[in-house]
PDB file of N, CA and C in Angstrom:
ATOM      1  N   MET A   1     -52.653 -28.073 -65.465  1.00  0.00           N
ATOM      2  CA  MET A   1     -52.002 -29.334 -65.172  1.00  0.00           C
ATOM      3  C   MET A   1     -50.698 -29.480 -65.970  1.00  0.00           C
ATOM      4  N   GLN A   2     -50.749 -29.055 -67.238  1.00  0.00           N
ATOM      5  CA  GLN A   2     -49.555 -29.156 -68.063  1.00  0.00           C
ATOM      6  C   GLN A   2     -48.451 -28.244 -67.512  1.00  0.00           C
ATOM      7  N   ARG A   3     -48.815 -27.080 -67.051  1.00  0.00           N
ATOM      8  CA  ARG A   3     -47.833 -26.149 -66.474  1.00  0.00           C
ATOM      9  C   ARG A   3     -47.183 -26.755 -65.229  1.00  0.00           C
ATOM     10  N   LEU A   4     -47.976 -27.419 -64.396  1.00  0.00           N
ATOM     11  CA  LEU A   4     -47.453 -28.065 -63.199  1.00  0.00           C
ATOM     12  C   LEU A   4     -46.466 -29.166 -63.584  1.00  0.00           C
ATOM     13  N   SER A   5     -46.775 -29.919 -64.608  1.00  0.00           N
ATOM     14  CA  SER A   5     -45.875 -30.977 -65.079  1.00  0.00           C
ATOM     15  C   SER A   5     -44.551 -30.390 -65.563  1.00  0.00           C
ATOM     16  N   GLN A   6     -44.608 -29.259 -66.250  1.00  0.00           N
ATOM     17  CA  GLN A   6     -43.391 -28.607 -66.723  1.00  0.00           C
ATOM     18  C   GLN A   6     -42.535 -28.118 -65.551  1.00  0.00           C
ATOM     19  N   ILE A   7     -43.184 -27.560 -64.549  1.00  0.00           N
ATOM     20  CA  ILE A   7     -42.458 -27.072 -63.379  1.00  0.00           C
ATOM     21  C   ILE A   7     -41.798 -28.232 -62.645  1.00  0.00           C
ATOM     22  N   ILE A   8     -42.499 -29.329 -62.500  1.00  0.00           N
ATOM     23  CA  ILE A   8     -41.943 -30.507 -61.829  1.00  0.00           C
ATOM     24  C   ILE A   8     -40.768 -31.063 -62.628  1.00  0.00           C
ATOM     25  N   ALA A   9     -40.904 -31.145 -63.942  1.00  0.00           N
ATOM     26  CA  ALA A   9     -39.827 -31.659 -64.787  1.00  0.00           C
ATOM     27  C   ALA A   9     -38.592 -30.764 -64.697  1.00  0.00           C
ATOM     28  N   LEU A  10     -38.793 -29.458 -64.738  1.00  0.00           N
ATOM     29  CA  LEU A  10     -37.680 -28.523 -64.629  1.00  0.00           C
ATOM     30  C   LEU A  10     -37.000 -28.636 -63.267  1.00  0.00           C
ATOM     31  N   SER A  11     -37.784 -28.785 -62.227  1.00  0.00           N
ATOM     32  CA  SER A  11     -37.230 -28.945 -60.877  1.00  0.00           C
ATOM     33  C   SER A  11     -36.379 -30.208 -60.786  1.00  0.00           C
ATOM     34  N   CYS A  12     -36.852 -31.284 -61.371  1.00  0.00           N
ATOM     35  CA  CYS A  12     -36.093 -32.543 -61.358  1.00  0.00           C
ATOM     36  C   CYS A  12     -34.763 -32.391 -62.099  1.00  0.00           C
ATOM     37  N   LEU A  13     -34.772 -31.702 -63.228  1.00  0.00           N
ATOM     38  CA  LEU A  13     -33.537 -31.478 -63.978  1.00  0.00           C
ATOM     39  C   LEU A  13     -32.537 -30.646 -63.174  1.00  0.00           C
ATOM     40  N   LEU A  14     -33.021 -29.622 -62.513  1.00  0.00           N
ATOM     41  CA  LEU A  14     -32.137 -28.787 -61.702  1.00  0.00           C
ATOM     42  C   LEU A  14     -31.551 -29.568 -60.535  1.00  0.00           C
ATOM     43  N   LEU A  15     -32.363 -30.389 -59.898  1.00  0.00           N
ATOM     44  CA  LEU A  15     -31.877 -31.198 -58.783  1.00  0.00           C
ATOM     45  C   LEU A  15     -30.850 -32.226 -59.250  1.00  0.00           C
ATOM     46  N   ALA A  16     -31.048 -32.764 -60.437  1.00  0.00           N
ATOM     47  CA  ALA A  16     -30.108 -33.750 -60.972  1.00  0.00           C
ATOM     48  C   ALA A  16     -28.750 -33.114 -61.264  1.00  0.00           C
ATOM     49  N   ALA A  17     -28.734 -31.834 -61.601  1.00  0.00           N
ATOM     50  CA  ALA A  17     -27.487 -31.144 -61.927  1.00  0.00           C
ATOM     51  C   ALA A  17     -26.730 -30.669 -60.694  1.00  0.00           C
ATOM     52  N   MET A  18     -27.347 -30.637 -59.557  1.00  0.00           N
ATOM     53  CA  MET A  18     -26.717 -30.097 -58.346  1.00  0.00           C
ATOM     54  C   MET A  18     -25.408 -30.796 -57.960  1.00  0.00           C
ATOM     55  N   PRO A  19     -25.317 -32.131 -57.965  1.00  0.00           N
ATOM     56  CA  PRO A  19     -24.034 -32.758 -57.592  1.00  0.00           C
ATOM     57  C   PRO A  19     -22.889 -32.342 -58.512  1.00  0.00           C
ATOM     58  N   ALA A  20     -23.149 -32.226 -59.792  1.00  0.00           N
ATOM     59  CA  ALA A  20     -22.103 -31.818 -60.731  1.00  0.00           C
ATOM     60  C   ALA A  20     -21.655 -30.389 -60.449  1.00  0.00           C
ATOM     61  N   LEU A  21     -22.591 -29.520 -60.162  1.00  0.00           N
ATOM     62  CA  LEU A  21     -22.245 -28.135 -59.845  1.00  0.00           C
ATOM     63  C   LEU A  21     -21.461 -28.054 -58.540  1.00  0.00           C
ATOM     64  N   ALA A  22     -21.834 -28.858 -57.571  1.00  0.00           N
ATOM     65  CA  ALA A  22     -21.130 -28.870 -56.287  1.00  0.00           C
ATOM     66  C   ALA A  22     -19.700 -29.364 -56.467  1.00  0.00           C
ATOM     67  N   GLN A  23     -19.479 -30.366 -57.320  1.00  0.00           N
ATOM     68  CA  GLN A  23     -18.132 -30.886 -57.564  1.00  0.00           C
ATOM     69  C   GLN A  23     -17.258 -29.821 -58.214  1.00  0.00           C
ATOM     70  N   GLU A  24     -17.811 -29.080 -59.181  1.00  0.00           N
ATOM     71  CA  GLU A  24     -17.045 -28.021 -59.827  1.00  0.00           C
ATOM     72  C   GLU A  24     -16.639 -26.963 -58.812  1.00  0.00           C
ATOM     73  N   ALA A  25     -17.541 -26.595 -57.926  1.00  0.00           N
ATOM     74  CA  ALA A  25     -17.233 -25.602 -56.899  1.00  0.00           C
ATOM     75  C   ALA A  25     -16.170 -26.132 -55.954  1.00  0.00           C
ATOM     76  N   SER A  26     -16.240 -27.409 -55.631  1.00  0.00           N
ATOM     77  CA  SER A  26     -15.264 -28.024 -54.731  1.00  0.00           C
ATOM     78  C   SER A  26     -13.877 -28.022 -55.359  1.00  0.00           C
ATOM     79  N   ASP A  27     -13.790 -28.351 -56.648  1.00  0.00           N
ATOM     80  CA  ASP A  27     -12.506 -28.353 -57.342  1.00  0.00           C
ATOM     81  C   ASP A  27     -11.903 -26.951 -57.376  1.00  0.00           C
ATOM     82  N   ALA A  28     -12.738 -25.947 -57.590  1.00  0.00           N
ATOM     83  CA  ALA A  28     -12.255 -24.582 -57.688  1.00  0.00           C
ATOM     84  C   ALA A  28     -11.748 -24.063 -56.348  1.00  0.00           C
ATOM     85  N   GLN A  29     -12.210 -24.609 -55.252  1.00  0.00           N
ATOM     86  CA  GLN A  29     -11.830 -24.127 -53.934  1.00  0.00           C
ATOM     87  C   GLN A  29     -10.545 -24.763 -53.420  1.00  0.00           C
ATOM     88  N   GLN A  30     -10.051 -25.776 -54.070  1.00  0.00           N
ATOM     89  CA  GLN A  30      -8.839 -26.432 -53.597  1.00  0.00           C
ATOM     90  C   GLN A  30      -7.642 -25.519 -53.858  1.00  0.00           C
ATOM     91  N   PRO A  31      -6.768 -25.385 -52.867  1.00  0.00           N
ATOM     92  CA  PRO A  31      -5.629 -24.480 -53.028  1.00  0.00           C
ATOM     93  C   PRO A  31      -4.601 -25.024 -54.016  1.00  0.00           C
ATOM     94  N   ALA A  32      -3.855 -24.109 -54.595  1.00  0.00           N
ATOM     95  CA  ALA A  32      -2.779 -24.506 -55.498  1.00  0.00           C
ATOM     96  C   ALA A  32      -1.652 -25.148 -54.692  1.00  0.00           C
ATOM     97  N   ILE A  33      -0.972 -26.070 -55.333  1.00  0.00           N
ATOM     98  CA  ILE A  33       0.140 -26.781 -54.696  1.00  0.00           C
ATOM     99  C   ILE A  33       1.438 -26.317 -55.348  1.00  0.00           C
ATOM    100  N   ASP A  34       2.372 -25.872 -54.537  1.00  0.00           N
ATOM    101  CA  ASP A  34       3.692 -25.490 -55.048  1.00  0.00           C
ATOM    102  C   ASP A  34       4.500 -26.772 -55.227  1.00  0.00           C
ATOM    103  N   ILE A  35       4.681 -27.183 -56.480  1.00  0.00           N
ATOM    104  CA  ILE A  35       5.345 -28.466 -56.715  1.00  0.00           C
ATOM    105  C   ILE A  35       6.829 -28.436 -56.376  1.00  0.00           C
ATOM    106  N   ASN A  36       7.368 -27.251 -56.151  1.00  0.00           N
ATOM    107  CA  ASN A  36       8.779 -27.155 -55.785  1.00  0.00           C
ATOM    108  C   ASN A  36       9.023 -27.278 -54.290  1.00  0.00           C
ATOM    109  N   SER A  37       7.966 -27.278 -53.496  1.00  0.00           N
ATOM    110  CA  SER A  37       8.151 -27.410 -52.050  1.00  0.00           C
ATOM    111  C   SER A  37       7.172 -28.383 -51.398  1.00  0.00           C
ATOM    112  N   ALA A  38       6.212 -28.884 -52.153  1.00  0.00           N
ATOM    113  CA  ALA A  38       5.184 -29.762 -51.585  1.00  0.00           C
ATOM    114  C   ALA A  38       5.754 -31.116 -51.178  1.00  0.00           C
ATOM    115  N   SER A  39       5.193 -31.653 -50.116  1.00  0.00           N
ATOM    116  CA  SER A  39       5.561 -33.005 -49.682  1.00  0.00           C
ATOM    117  C   SER A  39       4.876 -34.022 -50.592  1.00  0.00           C
ATOM    118  N   ALA A  40       5.303 -35.260 -50.501  1.00  0.00           N
ATOM    119  CA  ALA A  40       4.667 -36.325 -51.282  1.00  0.00           C
ATOM    120  C   ALA A  40       3.185 -36.422 -50.935  1.00  0.00           C
ATOM    121  N   GLU A  41       2.849 -36.263 -49.665  1.00  0.00           N
ATOM    122  CA  GLU A  41       1.446 -36.344 -49.243  1.00  0.00           C
ATOM    123  C   GLU A  41       0.620 -35.228 -49.877  1.00  0.00           C
ATOM    124  N   GLN A  42       1.170 -34.036 -49.960  1.00  0.00           N
ATOM    125  CA  GLN A  42       0.462 -32.927 -50.597  1.00  0.00           C
ATOM    126  C   GLN A  42       0.314 -33.168 -52.096  1.00  0.00           C
ATOM    127  N   LEU A  43       1.350 -33.700 -52.714  1.00  0.00           N
ATOM    128  CA  LEU A  43       1.302 -33.971 -54.152  1.00  0.00           C
ATOM    129  C   LEU A  43       0.243 -35.014 -54.493  1.00  0.00           C
ATOM    130  N   GLU A  44      -0.012 -35.939 -53.576  1.00  0.00           N
ATOM    131  CA  GLU A  44      -1.017 -36.978 -53.807  1.00  0.00           C
ATOM    132  C   GLU A  44      -2.423 -36.410 -53.932  1.00  0.00           C
ATOM    133  N   THR A  45      -2.650 -35.182 -53.511  1.00  0.00           N
ATOM    134  CA  THR A  45      -3.977 -34.578 -53.641  1.00  0.00           C
ATOM    135  C   THR A  45      -4.243 -34.084 -55.059  1.00  0.00           C
ATOM    136  N   LEU A  46      -3.222 -34.075 -55.882  1.00  0.00           N
ATOM    137  CA  LEU A  46      -3.390 -33.654 -57.277  1.00  0.00           C
ATOM    138  C   LEU A  46      -4.057 -34.759 -58.081  1.00  0.00           C
ATOM    139  N   PRO A  47      -4.922 -34.399 -59.028  1.00  0.00           N
ATOM    140  CA  PRO A  47      -5.571 -35.421 -59.848  1.00  0.00           C
ATOM    141  C   PRO A  47      -4.553 -36.204 -60.676  1.00  0.00           C
ATOM    142  N   GLY A  48      -4.665 -37.516 -60.638  1.00  0.00           N
ATOM    143  CA  GLY A  48      -3.787 -38.382 -61.415  1.00  0.00           C
ATOM    144  C   GLY A  48      -2.467 -38.710 -60.738  1.00  0.00           C
ATOM    145  N   ILE A  49      -2.261 -38.231 -59.517  1.00  0.00           N
ATOM    146  CA  ILE A  49      -1.000 -38.479 -58.812  1.00  0.00           C
ATOM    147  C   ILE A  49      -1.270 -39.337 -57.585  1.00  0.00           C
ATOM    148  N   GLY A  50      -0.702 -40.534 -57.604  1.00  0.00           N
ATOM    149  CA  GLY A  50      -0.799 -41.427 -56.454  1.00  0.00           C
ATOM    150  C   GLY A  50       0.497 -41.384 -55.665  1.00  0.00           C
ATOM    151  N   SER A  51       0.635 -42.303 -54.743  1.00  0.00           N
ATOM    152  CA  SER A  51       1.813 -42.277 -53.867  1.00  0.00           C
ATOM    153  C   SER A  51       3.117 -42.513 -54.632  1.00  0.00           C
ATOM    154  N   ALA A  52       3.098 -43.413 -55.607  1.00  0.00           N
ATOM    155  CA  ALA A  52       4.320 -43.695 -56.370  1.00  0.00           C
ATOM    156  C   ALA A  52       4.751 -42.483 -57.194  1.00  0.00           C
ATOM    157  N   ARG A  53       3.821 -41.854 -57.900  1.00  0.00           N
ATOM    158  CA  ARG A  53       4.157 -40.681 -58.710  1.00  0.00           C
ATOM    159  C   ARG A  53       4.575 -39.509 -57.831  1.00  0.00           C
ATOM    160  N   ALA A  54       3.930 -39.356 -56.680  1.00  0.00           N
ATOM    161  CA  ALA A  54       4.304 -38.277 -55.760  1.00  0.00           C
ATOM    162  C   ALA A  54       5.748 -38.460 -55.299  1.00  0.00           C
ATOM    163  N   ALA A  55       6.106 -39.690 -54.967  1.00  0.00           N
ATOM    164  CA  ALA A  55       7.487 -39.978 -54.558  1.00  0.00           C
ATOM    165  C   ALA A  55       8.452 -39.716 -55.715  1.00  0.00           C
ATOM    166  N   ASP A  56       8.028 -40.056 -56.945  1.00  0.00           N
ATOM    167  CA  ASP A  56       8.863 -39.801 -58.121  1.00  0.00           C
ATOM    168  C   ASP A  56       9.085 -38.301 -58.325  1.00  0.00           C
ATOM    169  N   ILE A  57       8.043 -37.502 -58.108  1.00  0.00           N
ATOM    170  CA  ILE A  57       8.161 -36.045 -58.260  1.00  0.00           C
ATOM    171  C   ILE A  57       9.169 -35.494 -57.258  1.00  0.00           C
ATOM    172  N   VAL A  58       9.049 -35.913 -56.009  1.00  0.00           N
ATOM    173  CA  VAL A  58       9.971 -35.436 -54.972  1.00  0.00           C
ATOM    174  C   VAL A  58      11.403 -35.856 -55.298  1.00  0.00           C
ATOM    175  N   ALA A  59      11.600 -37.116 -55.696  1.00  0.00           N
ATOM    176  CA  ALA A  59      12.943 -37.606 -56.024  1.00  0.00           C
ATOM    177  C   ALA A  59      13.527 -36.854 -57.220  1.00  0.00           C
ATOM    178  N   ASP A  60      12.711 -36.636 -58.247  1.00  0.00           N
ATOM    179  CA  ASP A  60      13.172 -35.916 -59.434  1.00  0.00           C
ATOM    180  C   ASP A  60      13.524 -34.474 -59.085  1.00  0.00           C
ATOM    181  N   ARG A  61      12.708 -33.857 -58.273  1.00  0.00           N
ATOM    182  CA  ARG A  61      12.950 -32.471 -57.854  1.00  0.00           C
ATOM    183  C   ARG A  61      14.269 -32.366 -57.079  1.00  0.00           C
ATOM    184  N   GLU A  62      14.519 -33.329 -56.206  1.00  0.00           N
ATOM    185  CA  GLU A  62      15.762 -33.320 -55.423  1.00  0.00           C
ATOM    186  C   GLU A  62      16.986 -33.584 -56.301  1.00  0.00           C
ATOM    187  N   ALA A  63      16.823 -34.434 -57.318  1.00  0.00           N
ATOM    188  CA  ALA A  63      17.948 -34.784 -58.190  1.00  0.00           C
ATOM    189  C   ALA A  63      18.223 -33.735 -59.265  1.00  0.00           C
ATOM    190  N   ASN A  64      17.161 -33.112 -59.789  1.00  0.00           N
ATOM    191  CA  ASN A  64      17.310 -32.240 -60.955  1.00  0.00           C
ATOM    192  C   ASN A  64      16.960 -30.779 -60.720  1.00  0.00           C
ATOM    193  N   GLY A  65      16.542 -30.431 -59.538  1.00  0.00           N
ATOM    194  CA  GLY A  65      16.201 -29.037 -59.252  1.00  0.00           C
ATOM    195  C   GLY A  65      14.729 -28.740 -59.459  1.00  0.00           C
ATOM    196  N   ASP A  66      14.381 -27.493 -59.186  1.00  0.00           N
ATOM    197  CA  ASP A  66      12.986 -27.058 -59.225  1.00  0.00           C
ATOM    198  C   ASP A  66      12.382 -27.140 -60.622  1.00  0.00           C
ATOM    199  N   TYR A  67      11.062 -27.225 -60.631  1.00  0.00           N
ATOM    200  CA  TYR A  67      10.286 -27.191 -61.868  1.00  0.00           C
ATOM    201  C   TYR A  67       9.969 -25.736 -62.184  1.00  0.00           C
ATOM    202  N   SER A  68      10.084 -25.360 -63.444  1.00  0.00           N
ATOM    203  CA  SER A  68       9.764 -23.982 -63.822  1.00  0.00           C
ATOM    204  C   SER A  68       8.389 -23.866 -64.465  1.00  0.00           C
ATOM    205  N   ASN A  69       7.839 -24.992 -64.932  1.00  0.00           N
ATOM    206  CA  ASN A  69       6.497 -24.978 -65.520  1.00  0.00           C
ATOM    207  C   ASN A  69       5.890 -26.378 -65.429  1.00  0.00           C
ATOM    208  N   ALA A  70       4.620 -26.466 -65.749  1.00  0.00           N
ATOM    209  CA  ALA A  70       3.898 -27.738 -65.628  1.00  0.00           C
ATOM    210  C   ALA A  70       4.472 -28.808 -66.551  1.00  0.00           C
ATOM    211  N   GLU A  71       4.928 -28.413 -67.714  1.00  0.00           N
ATOM    212  CA  GLU A  71       5.457 -29.377 -68.675  1.00  0.00           C
ATOM    213  C   GLU A  71       6.694 -30.096 -68.148  1.00  0.00           C
ATOM    214  N   ASP A  72       7.429 -29.474 -67.235  1.00  0.00           N
ATOM    215  CA  ASP A  72       8.606 -30.125 -66.652  1.00  0.00           C
ATOM    216  C   ASP A  72       8.243 -31.438 -65.966  1.00  0.00           C
ATOM    217  N   LEU A  73       7.012 -31.557 -65.507  1.00  0.00           N
ATOM    218  CA  LEU A  73       6.583 -32.795 -64.845  1.00  0.00           C
ATOM    219  C   LEU A  73       6.593 -33.985 -65.796  1.00  0.00           C
ATOM    220  N   MET A  74       6.529 -33.717 -67.094  1.00  0.00           N
ATOM    221  CA  MET A  74       6.507 -34.807 -68.067  1.00  0.00           C
ATOM    222  C   MET A  74       7.852 -35.515 -68.183  1.00  0.00           C
ATOM    223  N   ARG A  75       8.873 -35.000 -67.528  1.00  0.00           N
ATOM    224  CA  ARG A  75      10.149 -35.721 -67.520  1.00  0.00           C
ATOM    225  C   ARG A  75      10.088 -36.937 -66.598  1.00  0.00           C
ATOM    226  N   ILE A  76       9.007 -37.065 -65.851  1.00  0.00           N
ATOM    227  CA  ILE A  76       8.812 -38.213 -64.965  1.00  0.00           C
ATOM    228  C   ILE A  76       8.047 -39.290 -65.722  1.00  0.00           C
ATOM    229  N   ASN A  77       8.590 -40.500 -65.726  1.00  0.00           N
ATOM    230  CA  ASN A  77       7.946 -41.627 -66.391  1.00  0.00           C
ATOM    231  C   ASN A  77       6.543 -41.833 -65.819  1.00  0.00           C
ATOM    232  N   GLY A  78       5.545 -41.880 -66.694  1.00  0.00           N
ATOM    233  CA  GLY A  78       4.171 -42.100 -66.254  1.00  0.00           C
ATOM    234  C   GLY A  78       3.344 -40.835 -66.151  1.00  0.00           C
ATOM    235  N   ILE A  79       3.973 -39.677 -66.302  1.00  0.00           N
ATOM    236  CA  ILE A  79       3.230 -38.413 -66.309  1.00  0.00           C
ATOM    237  C   ILE A  79       3.309 -37.852 -67.718  1.00  0.00           C
ATOM    238  N   GLY A  80       2.157 -37.774 -68.361  1.00  0.00           N
ATOM    239  CA  GLY A  80       2.085 -37.273 -69.725  1.00  0.00           C
ATOM    240  C   GLY A  80       1.235 -36.021 -69.811  1.00  0.00           C
ATOM    241  N   GLU A  81       0.934 -35.638 -71.045  1.00  0.00           N
ATOM    242  CA  GLU A  81       0.159 -34.423 -71.287  1.00  0.00           C
ATOM    243  C   GLU A  81      -1.191 -34.431 -70.598  1.00  0.00           C
ATOM    244  N   ALA A  82      -1.897 -35.558 -70.673  1.00  0.00           N
ATOM    245  CA  ALA A  82      -3.237 -35.629 -70.083  1.00  0.00           C
ATOM    246  C   ALA A  82      -3.184 -35.423 -68.572  1.00  0.00           C
ATOM    247  N   THR A  83      -2.206 -36.021 -67.927  1.00  0.00           N
ATOM    248  CA  THR A  83      -2.069 -35.865 -66.475  1.00  0.00           C
ATOM    249  C   THR A  83      -1.744 -34.419 -66.125  1.00  0.00           C
ATOM    250  N   VAL A  84      -0.814 -33.829 -66.854  1.00  0.00           N
ATOM    251  CA  VAL A  84      -0.435 -32.435 -66.601  1.00  0.00           C
ATOM    252  C   VAL A  84      -1.627 -31.513 -66.835  1.00  0.00           C
ATOM    253  N   ASP A  85      -2.356 -31.725 -67.927  1.00  0.00           N
ATOM    254  CA  ASP A  85      -3.522 -30.888 -68.210  1.00  0.00           C
ATOM    255  C   ASP A  85      -4.576 -30.995 -67.110  1.00  0.00           C
ATOM    256  N   GLY A  86      -4.718 -32.183 -66.531  1.00  0.00           N
ATOM    257  CA  GLY A  86      -5.712 -32.386 -65.488  1.00  0.00           C
ATOM    258  C   GLY A  86      -5.389 -31.704 -64.176  1.00  0.00           C
ATOM    259  N   MET A  87      -4.124 -31.370 -63.962  1.00  0.00           N
ATOM    260  CA  MET A  87      -3.758 -30.746 -62.684  1.00  0.00           C
ATOM    261  C   MET A  87      -3.185 -29.341 -62.845  1.00  0.00           C
ATOM    262  N   ARG A  88      -3.085 -28.881 -64.064  1.00  0.00           N
ATOM    263  CA  ARG A  88      -2.446 -27.591 -64.353  1.00  0.00           C
ATOM    264  C   ARG A  88      -3.004 -26.441 -63.502  1.00  0.00           C
ATOM    265  N   ASP A  89      -4.318 -26.391 -63.322  1.00  0.00           N
ATOM    266  CA  ASP A  89      -4.919 -25.287 -62.573  1.00  0.00           C
ATOM    267  C   ASP A  89      -4.696 -25.391 -61.068  1.00  0.00           C
ATOM    268  N   ARG A  90      -4.131 -26.491 -60.600  1.00  0.00           N
ATOM    269  CA  ARG A  90      -3.856 -26.673 -59.167  1.00  0.00           C
ATOM    270  C   ARG A  90      -2.380 -26.491 -58.838  1.00  0.00           C
ATOM    271  N   LEU A  91      -1.565 -26.131 -59.830  1.00  0.00           N
ATOM    272  CA  LEU A  91      -0.119 -26.029 -59.622  1.00  0.00           C
ATOM    273  C   LEU A  91       0.334 -24.587 -59.451  1.00  0.00           C
ATOM    274  N   SER A  92       1.328 -24.418 -58.604  1.00  0.00           N
ATOM    275  CA  SER A  92       2.045 -23.146 -58.522  1.00  0.00           C
ATOM    276  C   SER A  92       3.533 -23.474 -58.469  1.00  0.00           C
ATOM    277  N   PHE A  93       4.362 -22.466 -58.732  1.00  0.00           N
ATOM    278  CA  PHE A  93       5.806 -22.694 -58.822  1.00  0.00           C
ATOM    279  C   PHE A  93       6.560 -21.710 -57.957  1.00  0.00           C
TER     280      PHE A  93
END
């Protein structure tokens, strides 16, 4: 009986972890976004980027030229280290 209880408890723990594992897999499958050519709509798919920031990225890119690295995004008001770190793995140049 004790063994059955352990198996049930372990099964419940594994089932509870499934949504978190599925989210990680989903994040890993999202394609990289080329910030030098992406539209505002594409940029909005990045974590921490809404419609206003996406428009700011496009405007800044048009005014100042292409981005050479993720840190260049911090020249936009409202985008800091935490935002850049959260989307770094989804960026391409």
